[in-house]
Amino acid sequence: LNELIAQVDLFFTQIDYIGLFHVSGGEPVLYPHLGTLLAYI
């Protein structure tokens, strides 16, 4: 999770606005921290 959060932070240092930020998979609900990640974003 901490690496994903760091990647999200990095992404938005370069991107000013995005139409769709799609958290995909695999099957995303199988990721144990899906809710935490989405809430952080």
PDB file of all heavy atoms in Angstrom:
ATOM      1  N   LEU A   1       0.820  -1.206   0.000  1.00  0.00           N
ATOM      2  CA  LEU A   1       0.000   0.000   0.000  1.00  0.00           C
ATOM      3  C   LEU A   1       0.859   1.263   0.000  1.00  0.00           C
ATOM      4  O   LEU A   1       0.559   2.225  -0.714  1.00  0.00           O
ATOM      5  CB  LEU A   1      -0.930   0.001   1.213  1.00  0.00           C
ATOM      6  CG  LEU A   1      -1.822   1.239   1.372  1.00  0.00           C
ATOM      7  CD1 LEU A   1      -2.761   1.394   0.182  1.00  0.00           C
ATOM      8  CD2 LEU A   1      -2.610   1.156   2.680  1.00  0.00           C
ATOM      9  N   ASN A   2       1.927   1.289   0.795  1.00  0.00           N
ATOM     10  CA  ASN A   2       2.747   2.495   0.865  1.00  0.00           C
ATOM     11  C   ASN A   2       3.407   2.809  -0.476  1.00  0.00           C
ATOM     12  O   ASN A   2       3.582   3.984  -0.837  1.00  0.00           O
ATOM     13  CB  ASN A   2       3.798   2.376   1.964  1.00  0.00           C
ATOM     14  CG  ASN A   2       4.806   1.256   1.708  1.00  0.00           C
ATOM     15  OD1 ASN A   2       4.448   0.208   1.173  1.00  0.00           O
ATOM     16  ND2 ASN A   2       6.048   1.477   2.088  1.00  0.00           N
ATOM     17  N   GLU A   3       3.738   1.769  -1.248  1.00  0.00           N
ATOM     18  CA  GLU A   3       4.326   1.996  -2.564  1.00  0.00           C
ATOM     19  C   GLU A   3       3.283   2.524  -3.547  1.00  0.00           C
ATOM     20  O   GLU A   3       3.576   3.393  -4.373  1.00  0.00           O
ATOM     21  CB  GLU A   3       4.952   0.707  -3.093  1.00  0.00           C
ATOM     22  CG  GLU A   3       6.180   0.270  -2.297  1.00  0.00           C
ATOM     23  CD  GLU A   3       6.856  -0.953  -2.893  1.00  0.00           C
ATOM     24  OE1 GLU A   3       6.539  -1.304  -4.055  1.00  0.00           O
ATOM     25  OE2 GLU A   3       7.702  -1.560  -2.196  1.00  0.00           O
ATOM     26  N   LEU A   4       2.060   2.023  -3.457  1.00  0.00           N
ATOM     27  CA  LEU A   4       0.990   2.521  -4.315  1.00  0.00           C
ATOM     28  C   LEU A   4       0.698   3.994  -4.018  1.00  0.00           C
ATOM     29  O   LEU A   4       0.518   4.801  -4.942  1.00  0.00           O
ATOM     30  CB  LEU A   4      -0.278   1.691  -4.124  1.00  0.00           C
ATOM     31  CG  LEU A   4      -0.232   0.253  -4.635  1.00  0.00           C
ATOM     32  CD1 LEU A   4      -1.509  -0.476  -4.246  1.00  0.00           C
ATOM     33  CD2 LEU A   4      -0.042   0.205  -6.141  1.00  0.00           C
ATOM     34  N   ILE A   5       0.672   4.347  -2.747  1.00  0.00           N
ATOM     35  CA  ILE A   5       0.417   5.738  -2.376  1.00  0.00           C
ATOM     36  C   ILE A   5       1.524   6.641  -2.911  1.00  0.00           C
ATOM     37  O   ILE A   5       1.262   7.738  -3.429  1.00  0.00           O
ATOM     38  CB  ILE A   5       0.273   5.857  -0.842  1.00  0.00           C
ATOM     39  CG1 ILE A   5      -1.077   5.263  -0.419  1.00  0.00           C
ATOM     40  CG2 ILE A   5       0.406   7.301  -0.382  1.00  0.00           C
ATOM     41  CD1 ILE A   5      -1.283   5.199   1.085  1.00  0.00           C
ATOM     42  N   ALA A   6       2.774   6.188  -2.814  1.00  0.00           N
ATOM     43  CA  ALA A   6       3.893   6.972  -3.343  1.00  0.00           C
ATOM     44  C   ALA A   6       3.770   7.146  -4.858  1.00  0.00           C
ATOM     45  O   ALA A   6       4.083   8.209  -5.409  1.00  0.00           O
ATOM     46  CB  ALA A   6       5.219   6.297  -2.985  1.00  0.00           C
ATOM     47  N   GLN A   7       3.288   6.105  -5.540  1.00  0.00           N
ATOM     48  CA  GLN A   7       3.106   6.188  -6.997  1.00  0.00           C
ATOM     49  C   GLN A   7       1.989   7.175  -7.356  1.00  0.00           C
ATOM     50  O   GLN A   7       2.099   7.935  -8.324  1.00  0.00           O
ATOM     51  CB  GLN A   7       2.796   4.806  -7.558  1.00  0.00           C
ATOM     52  CG  GLN A   7       3.971   3.833  -7.509  1.00  0.00           C
ATOM     53  CD  GLN A   7       3.563   2.411  -7.834  1.00  0.00           C
ATOM     54  OE1 GLN A   7       2.721   2.185  -8.705  1.00  0.00           O
ATOM     55  NE2 GLN A   7       4.127   1.451  -7.124  1.00  0.00           N
ATOM     56  N   VAL A   8       0.924   7.158  -6.586  1.00  0.00           N
ATOM     57  CA  VAL A   8      -0.167   8.108  -6.810  1.00  0.00           C
ATOM     58  C   VAL A   8       0.339   9.537  -6.617  1.00  0.00           C
ATOM     59  O   VAL A   8       0.076  10.435  -7.428  1.00  0.00           O
ATOM     60  CB  VAL A   8      -1.353   7.811  -5.875  1.00  0.00           C
ATOM     61  CG1 VAL A   8      -2.387   8.936  -5.931  1.00  0.00           C
ATOM     62  CG2 VAL A   8      -2.005   6.484  -6.244  1.00  0.00           C
ATOM     63  N   ASP A   9       1.093   9.759  -5.537  1.00  0.00           N
ATOM     64  CA  ASP A   9       1.652  11.094  -5.276  1.00  0.00           C
ATOM     65  C   ASP A   9       2.521  11.546  -6.445  1.00  0.00           C
ATOM     66  O   ASP A   9       2.436  12.702  -6.886  1.00  0.00           O
ATOM     67  CB  ASP A   9       2.486  11.076  -3.991  1.00  0.00           C
ATOM     68  CG  ASP A   9       1.647  10.887  -2.732  1.00  0.00           C
ATOM     69  OD1 ASP A   9       0.424  11.123  -2.791  1.00  0.00           O
ATOM     70  OD2 ASP A   9       2.221  10.500  -1.701  1.00  0.00           O
ATOM     71  N   LEU A  10       3.364  10.649  -6.947  1.00  0.00           N
ATOM     72  CA  LEU A  10       4.247  10.979  -8.066  1.00  0.00           C
ATOM     73  C   LEU A  10       3.441  11.316  -9.312  1.00  0.00           C
ATOM     74  O   LEU A  10       3.749  12.284 -10.025  1.00  0.00           O
ATOM     75  CB  LEU A  10       5.185   9.797  -8.350  1.00  0.00           C
ATOM     76  CG  LEU A  10       6.110   9.936  -9.560  1.00  0.00           C
ATOM     77  CD1 LEU A  10       7.055  11.124  -9.394  1.00  0.00           C
ATOM     78  CD2 LEU A  10       6.901   8.647  -9.768  1.00  0.00           C
ATOM     79  N   PHE A  11       2.414  10.548  -9.584  1.00  0.00           N
ATOM     80  CA  PHE A  11       1.592  10.769 -10.774  1.00  0.00           C
ATOM     81  C   PHE A  11       1.044  12.190 -10.805  1.00  0.00           C
ATOM     82  O   PHE A  11       1.116  12.882 -11.820  1.00  0.00           O
ATOM     83  CB  PHE A  11       0.440   9.759 -10.787  1.00  0.00           C
ATOM     84  CG  PHE A  11      -0.443   9.829 -11.999  1.00  0.00           C
ATOM     85  CD1 PHE A  11      -0.080   9.214 -13.178  1.00  0.00           C
ATOM     86  CD2 PHE A  11      -1.657  10.510 -11.955  1.00  0.00           C
ATOM     87  CE1 PHE A  11      -0.897   9.257 -14.299  1.00  0.00           C
ATOM     88  CE2 PHE A  11      -2.480  10.570 -13.068  1.00  0.00           C
ATOM     89  CZ  PHE A  11      -2.097   9.946 -14.243  1.00  0.00           C
ATOM     90  N   PHE A  12       0.542  12.639  -9.677  1.00  0.00           N
ATOM     91  CA  PHE A  12      -0.109  13.948  -9.655  1.00  0.00           C
ATOM     92  C   PHE A  12       0.873  15.109  -9.480  1.00  0.00           C
ATOM     93  O   PHE A  12       0.447  16.261  -9.446  1.00  0.00           O
ATOM     94  CB  PHE A  12      -1.220  13.964  -8.615  1.00  0.00           C
ATOM     95  CG  PHE A  12      -2.428  13.179  -9.048  1.00  0.00           C
ATOM     96  CD1 PHE A  12      -2.724  11.943  -8.500  1.00  0.00           C
ATOM     97  CD2 PHE A  12      -3.247  13.667 -10.054  1.00  0.00           C
ATOM     98  CE1 PHE A  12      -3.833  11.215  -8.911  1.00  0.00           C
ATOM     99  CE2 PHE A  12      -4.352  12.948 -10.487  1.00  0.00           C
ATOM    100  CZ  PHE A  12      -4.649  11.717  -9.913  1.00  0.00           C
ATOM    101  N   THR A  13       2.167  14.821  -9.410  1.00  0.00           N
ATOM    102  CA  THR A  13       3.136  15.912  -9.549  1.00  0.00           C
ATOM    103  C   THR A  13       3.285  16.320 -11.007  1.00  0.00           C
ATOM    104  O   THR A  13       3.755  17.427 -11.307  1.00  0.00           O
ATOM    105  CB  THR A  13       4.523  15.521  -9.006  1.00  0.00           C
ATOM    106  OG1 THR A  13       5.065  14.439  -9.793  1.00  0.00           O
ATOM    107  CG2 THR A  13       4.456  15.111  -7.538  1.00  0.00           C
ATOM    108  N   GLN A  14       2.887  15.432 -11.939  1.00  0.00           N
ATOM    109  CA  GLN A  14       3.057  15.705 -13.366  1.00  0.00           C
ATOM    110  C   GLN A  14       1.738  15.911 -14.100  1.00  0.00           C
ATOM    111  O   GLN A  14       1.708  16.558 -15.144  1.00  0.00           O
ATOM    112  CB  GLN A  14       3.810  14.522 -14.023  1.00  0.00           C
ATOM    113  CG  GLN A  14       5.187  14.257 -13.454  1.00  0.00           C
ATOM    114  CD  GLN A  14       6.278  14.900 -14.294  1.00  0.00           C
ATOM    115  OE1 GLN A  14       6.011  15.736 -15.129  1.00  0.00           O
ATOM    116  NE2 GLN A  14       7.513  14.470 -14.080  1.00  0.00           N
ATOM    117  N   ILE A  15       0.657  15.351 -13.582  1.00  0.00           N
ATOM    118  CA  ILE A  15      -0.637  15.396 -14.265  1.00  0.00           C
ATOM    119  C   ILE A  15      -1.546  16.380 -13.550  1.00  0.00           C
ATOM    120  O   ILE A  15      -1.820  16.250 -12.359  1.00  0.00           O
ATOM    121  CB  ILE A  15      -1.301  13.993 -14.281  1.00  0.00           C
ATOM    122  CG1 ILE A  15      -0.313  12.913 -14.720  1.00  0.00           C
ATOM    123  CG2 ILE A  15      -2.545  14.017 -15.174  1.00  0.00           C
ATOM    124  CD1 ILE A  15       0.346  13.157 -16.060  1.00  0.00           C
ATOM    125  N   ASP A  16      -2.031  17.369 -14.291  1.00  0.00           N
ATOM    126  CA  ASP A  16      -2.873  18.406 -13.690  1.00  0.00           C
ATOM    127  C   ASP A  16      -4.330  17.978 -13.557  1.00  0.00           C
ATOM    128  O   ASP A  16      -5.006  18.369 -12.601  1.00  0.00           O
ATOM    129  CB  ASP A  16      -2.798  19.678 -14.539  1.00  0.00           C
ATOM    130  CG  ASP A  16      -1.412  20.298 -14.516  1.00  0.00           C
ATOM    131  OD1 ASP A  16      -0.974  20.705 -13.430  1.00  0.00           O
ATOM    132  OD2 ASP A  16      -0.765  20.349 -15.577  1.00  0.00           O
ATOM    133  N   TYR A  17      -4.808  17.180 -14.500  1.00  0.00           N
ATOM    134  CA  TYR A  17      -6.204  16.741 -14.444  1.00  0.00           C
ATOM    135  C   TYR A  17      -6.346  15.502 -15.316  1.00  0.00           C
ATOM    136  O   TYR A  17      -5.709  15.386 -16.371  1.00  0.00           O
ATOM    137  CB  TYR A  17      -7.143  17.842 -14.947  1.00  0.00           C
ATOM    138  CG  TYR A  17      -8.596  17.634 -14.574  1.00  0.00           C
ATOM    139  CD1 TYR A  17      -9.008  17.725 -13.247  1.00  0.00           C
ATOM    140  CD2 TYR A  17      -9.557  17.357 -15.536  1.00  0.00           C
ATOM    141  CE1 TYR A  17     -10.338  17.550 -12.886  1.00  0.00           C
ATOM    142  CE2 TYR A  17     -10.895  17.184 -15.188  1.00  0.00           C
ATOM    143  CZ  TYR A  17     -11.277  17.280 -13.860  1.00  0.00           C
ATOM    144  OH  TYR A  17     -12.600  17.099 -13.508  1.00  0.00           O
ATOM    145  N   ILE A  18      -7.188  14.564 -14.836  1.00  0.00           N
ATOM    146  CA  ILE A  18      -7.384  13.319 -15.583  1.00  0.00           C
ATOM    147  C   ILE A  18      -8.875  13.013 -15.672  1.00  0.00           C
ATOM    148  O   ILE A  18      -9.627  13.225 -14.713  1.00  0.00           O
ATOM    149  CB  ILE A  18      -6.616  12.150 -14.926  1.00  0.00           C
ATOM    150  CG1 ILE A  18      -6.695  10.888 -15.795  1.00  0.00           C
ATOM    151  CG2 ILE A  18      -7.095  11.872 -13.508  1.00  0.00           C
ATOM    152  CD1 ILE A  18      -5.681   9.828 -15.437  1.00  0.00           C
ATOM    153  N   GLY A  19      -9.294  12.548 -16.846  1.00  0.00           N
ATOM    154  CA  GLY A  19     -10.698  12.227 -17.044  1.00  0.00           C
ATOM    155  C   GLY A  19     -11.156  11.040 -16.230  1.00  0.00           C
ATOM    156  O   GLY A  19     -12.204  11.070 -15.581  1.00  0.00           O
ATOM    157  N   LEU A  20     -10.368   9.952 -16.261  1.00  0.00           N
ATOM    158  CA  LEU A  20     -10.716   8.725 -15.540  1.00  0.00           C
ATOM    159  C   LEU A  20      -9.471   8.133 -14.902  1.00  0.00           C
ATOM    160  O   LEU A  20      -8.520   7.789 -15.602  1.00  0.00           O
ATOM    161  CB  LEU A  20     -11.339   7.697 -16.496  1.00  0.00           C
ATOM    162  CG  LEU A  20     -11.545   6.279 -15.947  1.00  0.00           C
ATOM    163  CD1 LEU A  20     -12.541   6.272 -14.791  1.00  0.00           C
ATOM    164  CD2 LEU A  20     -11.996   5.317 -17.047  1.00  0.00           C
ATOM    165  N   PHE A  21      -9.475   8.032 -13.580  1.00  0.00           N
ATOM    166  CA  PHE A  21      -8.425   7.302 -12.862  1.00  0.00           C
ATOM    167  C   PHE A  21      -9.040   5.969 -12.490  1.00  0.00           C
ATOM    168  O   PHE A  21      -9.903   5.880 -11.616  1.00  0.00           O
ATOM    169  CB  PHE A  21      -7.972   8.071 -11.624  1.00  0.00           C
ATOM    170  CG  PHE A  21      -6.681   7.556 -11.047  1.00  0.00           C
ATOM    171  CD1 PHE A  21      -5.467   8.131 -11.400  1.00  0.00           C
ATOM    172  CD2 PHE A  21      -6.669   6.493 -10.155  1.00  0.00           C
ATOM    173  CE1 PHE A  21      -4.268   7.661 -10.884  1.00  0.00           C
ATOM    174  CE2 PHE A  21      -5.489   6.009  -9.634  1.00  0.00           C
ATOM    175  CZ  PHE A  21      -4.271   6.594  -9.994  1.00  0.00           C
ATOM    176  N   HIS A  22      -8.611   4.915 -13.189  1.00  0.00           N
ATOM    177  CA  HIS A  22      -9.260   3.602 -13.102  1.00  0.00           C
ATOM    178  C   HIS A  22      -8.388   2.635 -12.312  1.00  0.00           C
ATOM    179  O   HIS A  22      -7.326   2.219 -12.779  1.00  0.00           O
ATOM    180  CB  HIS A  22      -9.512   3.057 -14.514  1.00  0.00           C
ATOM    181  CG  HIS A  22     -10.324   1.805 -14.524  1.00  0.00           C
ATOM    182  ND1 HIS A  22     -10.380   0.960 -15.605  1.00  0.00           N
ATOM    183  CD2 HIS A  22     -11.123   1.229 -13.582  1.00  0.00           C
ATOM    184  CE1 HIS A  22     -11.163  -0.053 -15.342  1.00  0.00           C
ATOM    185  NE2 HIS A  22     -11.629   0.082 -14.109  1.00  0.00           N
ATOM    186  N   VAL A  23      -8.824   2.285 -11.122  1.00  0.00           N
ATOM    187  CA  VAL A  23      -8.143   1.285 -10.302  1.00  0.00           C
ATOM    188  C   VAL A  23      -8.672  -0.077 -10.724  1.00  0.00           C
ATOM    189  O   VAL A  23      -9.828  -0.419 -10.486  1.00  0.00           O
ATOM    190  CB  VAL A  23      -8.378   1.540  -8.803  1.00  0.00           C
ATOM    191  CG1 VAL A  23      -7.689   0.469  -7.966  1.00  0.00           C
ATOM    192  CG2 VAL A  23      -7.863   2.929  -8.415  1.00  0.00           C
ATOM    193  N   SER A  24      -7.813  -0.846 -11.379  1.00  0.00           N
ATOM    194  CA  SER A  24      -8.260  -2.063 -12.049  1.00  0.00           C
ATOM    195  C   SER A  24      -7.538  -3.288 -11.493  1.00  0.00           C
ATOM    196  O   SER A  24      -6.955  -3.255 -10.418  1.00  0.00           O
ATOM    197  CB  SER A  24      -8.023  -1.897 -13.565  1.00  0.00           C
ATOM    198  OG  SER A  24      -8.556  -2.988 -14.277  1.00  0.00           O
ATOM    199  N   GLY A  25      -7.576  -4.380 -12.255  1.00  0.00           N
ATOM    200  CA  GLY A  25      -6.964  -5.623 -11.784  1.00  0.00           C
ATOM    201  C   GLY A  25      -6.576  -6.515 -12.930  1.00  0.00           C
ATOM    202  O   GLY A  25      -6.459  -6.023 -14.059  1.00  0.00           O
ATOM    203  N   GLY A  26      -6.479  -7.821 -12.684  1.00  0.00           N
ATOM    204  CA  GLY A  26      -7.004  -8.613 -11.599  1.00  0.00           C
ATOM    205  C   GLY A  26      -8.439  -8.284 -11.224  1.00  0.00           C
ATOM    206  O   GLY A  26      -9.179  -7.651 -11.919  1.00  0.00           O
ATOM    207  N   GLU A  27      -8.801  -8.785 -10.062  1.00  0.00           N
ATOM    208  CA  GLU A  27     -10.085  -8.455  -9.447  1.00  0.00           C
ATOM    209  C   GLU A  27      -9.779  -7.540  -8.264  1.00  0.00           C
ATOM    210  O   GLU A  27      -9.289  -7.994  -7.224  1.00  0.00           O
ATOM    211  CB  GLU A  27     -10.804  -9.721  -9.001  1.00  0.00           C
ATOM    212  CG  GLU A  27     -12.018  -9.499  -8.118  1.00  0.00           C
ATOM    213  CD  GLU A  27     -13.059  -8.563  -8.731  1.00  0.00           C
ATOM    214  OE1 GLU A  27     -13.269  -8.620  -9.971  1.00  0.00           O
ATOM    215  OE2 GLU A  27     -13.661  -7.768  -7.985  1.00  0.00           O
ATOM    216  N   PRO A  28     -10.041  -6.240  -8.408  1.00  0.00           N
ATOM    217  CA  PRO A  28      -9.597  -5.269  -7.405  1.00  0.00           C
ATOM    218  C   PRO A  28     -10.052  -5.560  -5.977  1.00  0.00           C
ATOM    219  O   PRO A  28      -9.320  -5.271  -5.029  1.00  0.00           O
ATOM    220  CB  PRO A  28     -10.173  -3.950  -7.922  1.00  0.00           C
ATOM    221  CG  PRO A  28     -10.269  -4.144  -9.390  1.00  0.00           C
ATOM    222  CD  PRO A  28     -10.648  -5.580  -9.579  1.00  0.00           C
ATOM    223  N   VAL A  29     -11.252  -6.112  -5.801  1.00  0.00           N
ATOM    224  CA  VAL A  29     -11.750  -6.316  -4.443  1.00  0.00           C
ATOM    225  C   VAL A  29     -10.913  -7.350  -3.685  1.00  0.00           C
ATOM    226  O   VAL A  29     -10.965  -7.417  -2.447  1.00  0.00           O
ATOM    227  CB  VAL A  29     -13.242  -6.722  -4.464  1.00  0.00           C
ATOM    228  CG1 VAL A  29     -13.402  -8.178  -4.883  1.00  0.00           C
ATOM    229  CG2 VAL A  29     -13.894  -6.458  -3.116  1.00  0.00           C
ATOM    230  N   LEU A  30     -10.116  -8.132  -4.404  1.00  0.00           N
ATOM    231  CA  LEU A  30      -9.238  -9.088  -3.734  1.00  0.00           C
ATOM    232  C   LEU A  30      -8.008  -8.414  -3.136  1.00  0.00           C
ATOM    233  O   LEU A  30      -7.264  -9.041  -2.374  1.00  0.00           O
ATOM    234  CB  LEU A  30      -8.810 -10.192  -4.709  1.00  0.00           C
ATOM    235  CG  LEU A  30      -9.939 -11.057  -5.270  1.00  0.00           C
ATOM    236  CD1 LEU A  30      -9.383 -12.126  -6.207  1.00  0.00           C
ATOM    237  CD2 LEU A  30     -10.748 -11.703  -4.150  1.00  0.00           C
ATOM    238  N   TYR A  31      -7.782  -7.148  -3.486  1.00  0.00           N
ATOM    239  CA  TYR A  31      -6.694  -6.412  -2.862  1.00  0.00           C
ATOM    240  C   TYR A  31      -7.151  -5.967  -1.475  1.00  0.00           C
ATOM    241  O   TYR A  31      -8.161  -5.265  -1.342  1.00  0.00           O
ATOM    242  CB  TYR A  31      -6.315  -5.188  -3.708  1.00  0.00           C
ATOM    243  CG  TYR A  31      -5.145  -4.420  -3.145  1.00  0.00           C
ATOM    244  CD1 TYR A  31      -3.895  -5.009  -3.015  1.00  0.00           C
ATOM    245  CD2 TYR A  31      -5.304  -3.101  -2.718  1.00  0.00           C
ATOM    246  CE1 TYR A  31      -2.820  -4.309  -2.488  1.00  0.00           C
ATOM    247  CE2 TYR A  31      -4.235  -2.389  -2.192  1.00  0.00           C
ATOM    248  CZ  TYR A  31      -2.993  -3.006  -2.077  1.00  0.00           C
ATOM    249  OH  TYR A  31      -1.922  -2.309  -1.546  1.00  0.00           O
ATOM    250  N   PRO A  32      -6.448  -6.359  -0.422  1.00  0.00           N
ATOM    251  CA  PRO A  32      -6.949  -6.140   0.940  1.00  0.00           C
ATOM    252  C   PRO A  32      -7.041  -4.669   1.351  1.00  0.00           C
ATOM    253  O   PRO A  32      -7.759  -4.348   2.298  1.00  0.00           O
ATOM    254  CB  PRO A  32      -5.934  -6.883   1.815  1.00  0.00           C
ATOM    255  CG  PRO A  32      -4.699  -6.989   0.978  1.00  0.00           C
ATOM    256  CD  PRO A  32      -5.174  -7.109  -0.430  1.00  0.00           C
ATOM    257  N   HIS A  33      -6.347  -3.773   0.651  1.00  0.00           N
ATOM    258  CA  HIS A  33      -6.341  -2.359   1.029  1.00  0.00           C
ATOM    259  C   HIS A  33      -7.057  -1.491  -0.013  1.00  0.00           C
ATOM    260  O   HIS A  33      -6.786  -0.287  -0.104  1.00  0.00           O
ATOM    261  CB  HIS A  33      -4.903  -1.866   1.194  1.00  0.00           C
ATOM    262  CG  HIS A  33      -4.053  -2.741   2.061  1.00  0.00           C
ATOM    263  ND1 HIS A  33      -4.310  -2.934   3.402  1.00  0.00           N
ATOM    264  CD2 HIS A  33      -2.960  -3.496   1.761  1.00  0.00           C
ATOM    265  CE1 HIS A  33      -3.405  -3.758   3.903  1.00  0.00           C
ATOM    266  NE2 HIS A  33      -2.581  -4.111   2.931  1.00  0.00           N
ATOM    267  N   LEU A  34      -7.978  -2.085  -0.773  1.00  0.00           N
ATOM    268  CA  LEU A  34      -8.633  -1.338  -1.843  1.00  0.00           C
ATOM    269  C   LEU A  34      -9.349  -0.093  -1.299  1.00  0.00           C
ATOM    270  O   LEU A  34      -9.203   1.006  -1.842  1.00  0.00           O
ATOM    271  CB  LEU A  34      -9.635  -2.235  -2.588  1.00  0.00           C
ATOM    272  CG  LEU A  34     -10.443  -1.534  -3.695  1.00  0.00           C
ATOM    273  CD1 LEU A  34      -9.518  -1.067  -4.810  1.00  0.00           C
ATOM    274  CD2 LEU A  34     -11.519  -2.461  -4.242  1.00  0.00           C
ATOM    275  N   GLY A  35     -10.122  -0.242  -0.253  1.00  0.00           N
ATOM    276  CA  GLY A  35     -10.853   0.885   0.303  1.00  0.00           C
ATOM    277  C   GLY A  35      -9.934   1.994   0.778  1.00  0.00           C
ATOM    278  O   GLY A  35     -10.188   3.181   0.543  1.00  0.00           O
ATOM    279  N   THR A  36      -8.839   1.616   1.429  1.00  0.00           N
ATOM    280  CA  THR A  36      -7.880   2.605   1.933  1.00  0.00           C
ATOM    281  C   THR A  36      -7.237   3.360   0.777  1.00  0.00           C
ATOM    282  O   THR A  36      -7.064   4.582   0.830  1.00  0.00           O
ATOM    283  CB  THR A  36      -6.799   1.921   2.776  1.00  0.00           C
ATOM    284  OG1 THR A  36      -7.420   1.195   3.833  1.00  0.00           O
ATOM    285  CG2 THR A  36      -5.827   2.930   3.355  1.00  0.00           C
ATOM    286  N   LEU A  37      -6.889   2.637  -0.282  1.00  0.00           N
ATOM    287  CA  LEU A  37      -6.260   3.257  -1.444  1.00  0.00           C
ATOM    288  C   LEU A  37      -7.216   4.246  -2.104  1.00  0.00           C
ATOM    289  O   LEU A  37      -6.836   5.386  -2.415  1.00  0.00           O
ATOM    290  CB  LEU A  37      -5.837   2.182  -2.443  1.00  0.00           C
ATOM    291  CG  LEU A  37      -5.265   2.679  -3.774  1.00  0.00           C
ATOM    292  CD1 LEU A  37      -3.975   3.460  -3.556  1.00  0.00           C
ATOM    293  CD2 LEU A  37      -5.031   1.504  -4.729  1.00  0.00           C
ATOM    294  N   LEU A  38      -8.454   3.833  -2.333  1.00  0.00           N
ATOM    295  CA  LEU A  38      -9.425   4.715  -2.973  1.00  0.00           C
ATOM    296  C   LEU A  38      -9.704   5.950  -2.119  1.00  0.00           C
ATOM    297  O   LEU A  38      -9.823   7.065  -2.641  1.00  0.00           O
ATOM    298  CB  LEU A  38     -10.722   3.953  -3.237  1.00  0.00           C
ATOM    299  CG  LEU A  38     -10.639   2.853  -4.307  1.00  0.00           C
ATOM    300  CD1 LEU A  38     -11.896   1.990  -4.274  1.00  0.00           C
ATOM    301  CD2 LEU A  38     -10.434   3.447  -5.692  1.00  0.00           C
ATOM    302  N   ALA A  39      -9.804   5.750  -0.815  1.00  0.00           N
ATOM    303  CA  ALA A  39     -10.055   6.886   0.078  1.00  0.00           C
ATOM    304  C   ALA A  39      -8.885   7.864   0.045  1.00  0.00           C
ATOM    305  O   ALA A  39      -9.089   9.091   0.086  1.00  0.00           O
ATOM    306  CB  ALA A  39     -10.305   6.388   1.498  1.00  0.00           C
ATOM    307  N   TYR A  40      -7.664   7.363  -0.031  1.00  0.00           N
ATOM    308  CA  TYR A  40      -6.487   8.244  -0.100  1.00  0.00           C
ATOM    309  C   TYR A  40      -6.496   9.066  -1.392  1.00  0.00           C
ATOM    310  O   TYR A  40      -6.256  10.277  -1.364  1.00  0.00           O
ATOM    311  CB  TYR A  40      -5.199   7.421  -0.024  1.00  0.00           C
ATOM    312  CG  TYR A  40      -3.961   8.290  -0.114  1.00  0.00           C
ATOM    313  CD1 TYR A  40      -3.440   8.896   1.014  1.00  0.00           C
ATOM    314  CD2 TYR A  40      -3.337   8.528  -1.348  1.00  0.00           C
ATOM    315  CE1 TYR A  40      -2.321   9.721   0.938  1.00  0.00           C
ATOM    316  CE2 TYR A  40      -2.224   9.351  -1.438  1.00  0.00           C
ATOM    317  CZ  TYR A  40      -1.723   9.951  -0.288  1.00  0.00           C
ATOM    318  OH  TYR A  40      -0.630  10.777  -0.371  1.00  0.00           O
ATOM    319  N   ILE A  41      -6.776   8.399  -2.495  1.00  0.00           N
ATOM    320  CA  ILE A  41      -6.807   9.105  -3.784  1.00  0.00           C
ATOM    321  C   ILE A  41      -7.859  10.205  -3.759  1.00  0.00           C
ATOM    322  O   ILE A  41      -7.620  11.342  -4.170  1.00  0.00           O
ATOM    323  CB  ILE A  41      -7.068   8.114  -4.937  1.00  0.00           C
ATOM    324  CG1 ILE A  41      -5.919   7.111  -5.061  1.00  0.00           C
ATOM    325  CG2 ILE A  41      -7.256   8.863  -6.256  1.00  0.00           C
ATOM    326  CD1 ILE A  41      -6.212   5.951  -6.005  1.00  0.00           C
TER     327      ILE A  41
END
